[in-house]
């Protein structure tokens, strides 16, 4: 019994000694954490100058074996609408249909133990960011060339089957509604040639447009009048 009492007394003394260190240790730990946070913030500011906008993740700790995975990653990503150095945990089982469980934070908002473990991998993260940006640049250049080739091919084909309309083309200003109206009122004219002739003289005989439009409903009549007015202006401008 006396032996147990001495053992307990020794433990209590050790606890007392440890407890006395708490205030100073807490202050120094928080100071060190704040210094790390400031350093990471400064690095974030530098990275934002370049506006990479490319997510990159680098695993700094793997705690499971296949088929399970339990990774801790440091990265550069957009979280909560902000780009910055980030940390995530990524765990699950590598089987079809099983989605991973992911938790992610901006670096200084993550658990402290993860910040400490991830900090030493910042050089590797910078290298990964450079490699990813370089690869992205190459892919963008390649895809731009592909899109340009498609555009040029389409333009070549369309120029052959549907040449661009010019100011001298009578249909240049005819939209769908006007075309519909035109089809309606051409039935009252014996031939297409006479319709074209009517269009060319509308500048001198505006009553002609009204006469033709008289055979149409109100909306179509207005479309016809607008059409002939445009044709008249085009004729006057030649």
Protein backbone atom coordinates (compact mmCIF):
# COMPACT_ATOMS: atom_id res chain seq x y z
CA UNK A 1 0.00 0.00 0.00
CA UNK A 2 2.85 2.37 0.88
CA UNK A 3 4.51 1.51 -2.43
CA UNK A 4 1.34 2.41 -4.35
CA UNK A 5 1.11 5.69 -2.44
CA UNK A 6 4.67 6.63 -3.36
CA UNK A 7 4.02 5.71 -7.00
CA UNK A 8 0.92 7.92 -7.12
CA UNK A 9 2.79 10.75 -5.41
CA UNK A 10 5.56 10.56 -8.00
CA UNK A 11 3.03 10.69 -10.82
CA UNK A 12 1.32 13.71 -9.33
CA UNK A 13 4.65 15.54 -9.00
CA UNK A 14 5.43 14.80 -12.66
CA UNK A 15 2.02 16.12 -13.66
CA UNK A 16 2.63 19.25 -11.59
CA UNK A 17 5.97 19.87 -13.28
CA UNK A 18 4.43 19.35 -16.72
CA UNK A 19 1.47 21.60 -15.97
CA UNK A 20 3.77 24.44 -14.98
CA UNK A 21 5.19 24.39 -18.51
CA UNK A 22 1.81 24.76 -20.18
CA UNK A 23 1.50 28.58 -20.27
CA UNK A 24 4.92 29.22 -21.79
CA UNK A 25 4.63 26.25 -24.14
CA UNK A 26 1.21 27.34 -25.34
CA UNK A 27 2.45 30.85 -26.04
CA UNK A 28 5.52 29.67 -27.93
CA UNK A 29 3.51 27.11 -29.91
CA UNK A 30 1.01 29.74 -30.99
CA UNK A 31 3.83 32.12 -31.92
CA UNK A 32 5.49 29.46 -34.07
CA UNK A 33 2.16 28.62 -35.71
CA UNK A 34 1.50 32.29 -36.47
CA UNK A 35 4.94 32.62 -38.05
CA UNK A 36 4.26 29.61 -40.27
CA UNK A 37 0.88 31.06 -41.24
CA UNK A 38 2.48 34.39 -42.18
CA UNK A 39 5.11 32.66 -44.32
CA UNK A 40 2.44 30.70 -46.19
CA UNK A 41 0.34 33.86 -46.66
CA UNK A 42 3.35 35.63 -48.13
CA UNK A 43 3.89 32.73 -50.53
CA UNK A 44 0.21 32.81 -51.51
CA UNK A 45 0.52 36.50 -52.36
CA UNK A 46 3.50 35.80 -54.59
CA UNK A 47 1.69 32.98 -56.41
CA UNK A 48 -1.40 35.13 -57.01
CA UNK A 49 0.74 37.54 -59.04
CA UNK A 50 0.89 34.95 -61.78
CA UNK A 51 -2.74 33.85 -61.74
CA UNK A 52 -2.04 30.22 -62.56
CA UNK A 53 -5.59 29.07 -61.80
CA UNK A 54 -4.48 25.44 -62.10
CA UNK A 55 -5.28 22.94 -59.30
CA UNK A 56 -2.29 20.82 -58.25
CA UNK A 57 -2.10 18.19 -55.50
CA UNK A 58 0.95 16.44 -54.09
CA UNK A 59 0.67 13.55 -51.61
CA UNK A 60 2.92 13.94 -48.59
CA UNK A 61 1.61 11.07 -46.50
CA UNK A 62 0.05 7.69 -47.35
CA UNK A 63 -1.37 5.78 -44.40
CA UNK A 64 -3.09 2.76 -45.97
CA UNK A 65 -2.43 -0.15 -48.27
CA UNK A 66 -4.38 -1.32 -51.29
CA UNK A 67 -7.25 -1.62 -51.84
CA UNK A 68 -7.64 1.09 -49.22
CA UNK A 69 -6.19 4.56 -49.49
CA UNK A 70 -5.78 7.26 -46.88
CA UNK A 71 -3.74 10.13 -48.27
CA UNK A 72 -2.80 13.54 -46.97
CA UNK A 73 -2.09 16.02 -49.76
CA UNK A 74 -0.71 19.52 -50.04
CA UNK A 75 -1.76 21.48 -53.08
CA UNK A 76 -2.67 24.71 -54.81
CA UNK A 77 -6.42 24.85 -55.32
CA UNK A 78 -9.58 26.95 -55.18
CA UNK A 79 -11.44 26.35 -51.93
CA UNK A 80 -14.36 28.42 -50.76
CA UNK A 81 -13.96 30.70 -53.76
CA UNK A 82 -10.29 31.48 -53.00
CA UNK A 83 -7.12 30.20 -54.63
CA UNK A 84 -4.29 29.31 -52.32
CA UNK A 85 -1.96 26.72 -50.88
CA UNK A 86 -4.24 24.01 -49.52
CA UNK A 87 -4.36 20.71 -47.65
CA UNK A 88 -6.76 17.81 -48.04
CA UNK A 89 -7.34 14.32 -46.73
CA UNK A 90 -8.42 11.77 -49.29
CA UNK A 91 -9.55 8.35 -48.09
CA UNK A 92 -11.63 5.42 -49.24
CA UNK A 93 -11.49 1.99 -50.87
CA UNK A 94 -10.51 1.47 -54.49
CA UNK A 95 -13.62 -0.33 -55.64
CA UNK A 96 -16.07 0.65 -58.34
CA UNK A 97 -18.94 2.71 -57.01
CA UNK A 98 -17.14 3.81 -53.83
CA UNK A 99 -16.67 7.54 -53.69
CA UNK A 100 -13.73 8.93 -51.72
CA UNK A 101 -14.21 10.85 -48.51
CA UNK A 102 -12.51 14.21 -49.00
CA UNK A 103 -11.88 17.02 -46.56
CA UNK A 104 -10.01 20.07 -47.76
CA UNK A 105 -8.97 23.44 -46.39
CA UNK A 106 -6.85 26.41 -47.26
CA UNK A 107 -3.50 25.80 -45.60
CA UNK A 108 -3.93 28.06 -42.58
CA UNK A 109 -7.45 26.79 -41.92
CA UNK A 110 -6.43 23.12 -41.75
CA UNK A 111 -5.65 21.16 -38.54
CA UNK A 112 -2.31 22.20 -37.11
CA UNK A 113 -0.72 18.75 -37.27
CA UNK A 114 -1.40 18.63 -41.02
CA UNK A 115 0.15 22.07 -41.52
CA UNK A 116 3.30 20.99 -39.74
CA UNK A 117 3.59 17.79 -41.77
CA UNK A 118 2.80 19.49 -45.08
CA UNK A 119 5.10 22.50 -44.69
CA UNK A 120 8.28 20.58 -45.48
CA UNK A 121 6.77 19.53 -48.83
CA UNK A 122 6.32 23.07 -50.11
CA UNK A 123 9.39 22.85 -52.41
CA UNK A 124 7.95 19.72 -54.06
CA UNK A 125 4.61 21.50 -54.45
CA UNK A 126 6.29 24.41 -56.26
CA UNK A 127 7.98 21.96 -58.64
CA UNK A 128 4.67 20.18 -59.26
CA UNK A 129 2.97 23.52 -59.98
CA UNK A 130 5.63 24.45 -62.54
CA UNK A 131 5.38 21.04 -64.22
CA UNK A 132 1.58 21.19 -64.34
CA UNK A 133 1.54 24.74 -65.73
CA UNK A 134 4.09 23.80 -68.41
CA UNK A 135 2.02 20.79 -69.47
CA UNK A 136 -1.16 22.88 -69.49
CA UNK A 137 0.47 25.49 -71.73
CA UNK A 138 1.48 22.77 -74.20
CA UNK A 139 -2.03 21.32 -74.26
CA UNK A 140 -3.64 24.74 -74.77
CA UNK A 141 -1.35 25.47 -77.72
CA UNK A 142 -2.18 22.08 -79.27
CA UNK A 143 -5.93 22.49 -78.77
CA UNK A 144 -5.86 26.03 -80.14
CA UNK A 145 -4.23 24.71 -83.31
CA UNK A 146 -6.91 22.00 -83.54
CA UNK A 147 -9.75 24.51 -83.17
CA UNK A 148 -8.16 26.84 -85.72
CA UNK A 149 -7.87 23.95 -88.21
CA UNK A 150 -11.56 23.09 -87.73
CA UNK A 151 -12.56 26.74 -88.18
CA UNK A 152 -10.55 27.09 -91.39
CA UNK A 153 -11.97 23.83 -92.79
CA UNK A 154 -15.56 24.87 -92.01
CA UNK A 155 -14.99 28.30 -93.56
CA UNK A 156 -13.61 26.73 -96.74
CA UNK A 157 -16.58 24.37 -97.06
CA UNK A 158 -19.18 27.05 -96.32
CA UNK A 159 -17.60 29.48 -98.79
CA UNK A 160 -18.18 26.87 -101.49
CA UNK A 161 -21.74 25.83 -100.63
CA UNK A 162 -23.03 29.13 -99.20
CA UNK A 163 -20.93 32.14 -100.26
CA UNK A 164 -21.23 35.25 -98.08
CA UNK A 165 -24.08 37.52 -99.19
CA UNK A 166 -23.18 40.96 -100.53
CA UNK A 167 -25.00 44.31 -100.68
CA UNK A 168 -25.90 43.51 -104.29
CA UNK A 169 -27.82 40.40 -103.21
CA UNK A 170 -31.52 41.16 -102.99
CA UNK A 171 -31.99 38.74 -100.04
CA UNK A 172 -29.34 40.38 -97.83
CA UNK A 173 -31.86 42.21 -95.63
CA UNK A 174 -34.67 39.64 -95.78
CA UNK A 175 -35.21 37.87 -92.49
CA UNK A 176 -37.40 34.83 -91.94
CA UNK A 177 -40.63 36.78 -91.46
CA UNK A 178 -40.01 38.87 -94.57
CA UNK A 179 -39.23 35.80 -96.66
CA UNK A 180 -42.54 34.29 -95.56
CA UNK A 181 -44.33 37.48 -96.54
CA UNK A 182 -42.51 37.57 -99.87
CA UNK A 183 -43.68 34.05 -100.72
CA UNK A 184 -47.25 35.06 -99.94
CA UNK A 185 -47.38 38.15 -102.11
CA UNK A 186 -45.42 36.74 -105.05
CA UNK A 187 -48.47 34.56 -105.79
CA UNK A 188 -50.22 37.72 -106.97
CA UNK A 189 -47.43 38.47 -109.48
CA UNK A 190 -47.30 36.40 -112.73
CA UNK A 191 -43.54 35.80 -112.64
CA UNK A 192 -40.41 36.17 -110.56
CA UNK A 193 -39.06 38.53 -113.20
CA UNK A 194 -41.98 40.88 -112.66
CA UNK A 195 -41.43 40.74 -108.89
CA UNK A 196 -37.78 41.69 -109.38
CA UNK A 197 -38.82 44.47 -111.75
CA UNK A 198 -41.30 45.75 -109.18
CA UNK A 199 -38.59 45.79 -106.54
CA UNK A 200 -36.19 47.82 -108.67
CA UNK A 201 -38.66 50.59 -109.43
CA UNK A 202 -40.04 50.97 -105.90
CA UNK A 203 -37.92 54.08 -105.40
CA UNK A 204 -39.98 55.90 -108.06
CA UNK A 205 -43.31 54.07 -107.50
CA UNK A 206 -43.78 53.63 -103.75
CA UNK A 207 -47.48 53.01 -104.32
CA UNK A 208 -46.49 49.70 -105.90
CA UNK A 209 -45.38 48.34 -102.54
CA UNK A 210 -48.66 49.37 -100.97
CA UNK A 211 -50.60 47.78 -103.83
CA UNK A 212 -48.82 44.44 -103.42
CA UNK A 213 -49.05 44.62 -99.65
CA UNK A 214 -52.77 45.12 -99.91
CA UNK A 215 -53.15 41.43 -100.63
CA UNK A 216 -51.51 40.46 -97.31
CA UNK A 217 -52.56 40.50 -93.68
CA UNK A 218 -51.43 43.40 -91.48
CA UNK A 219 -48.19 41.84 -90.18
CA UNK A 220 -47.17 40.52 -93.61
CA UNK A 221 -48.09 43.84 -95.22
CA UNK A 222 -45.81 45.70 -92.85
CA UNK A 223 -43.01 43.23 -93.61
CA UNK A 224 -43.51 43.80 -97.32
CA UNK A 225 -43.46 47.58 -96.94
CA UNK A 226 -40.30 47.37 -94.82
CA UNK A 227 -38.70 45.12 -97.43
CA UNK A 228 -39.40 47.45 -100.30
CA UNK A 229 -38.26 50.42 -98.25
CA UNK A 230 -34.90 48.73 -97.69
CA UNK A 231 -34.62 47.84 -101.35
CA UNK A 232 -35.41 51.44 -102.27
CA UNK A 233 -32.71 52.78 -99.96
CA UNK A 234 -30.21 50.29 -101.36
CA UNK A 235 -31.08 51.41 -104.91
CA UNK A 236 -30.69 55.10 -104.01
CA UNK A 237 -27.29 54.39 -102.45
CA UNK A 238 -25.84 52.84 -105.63
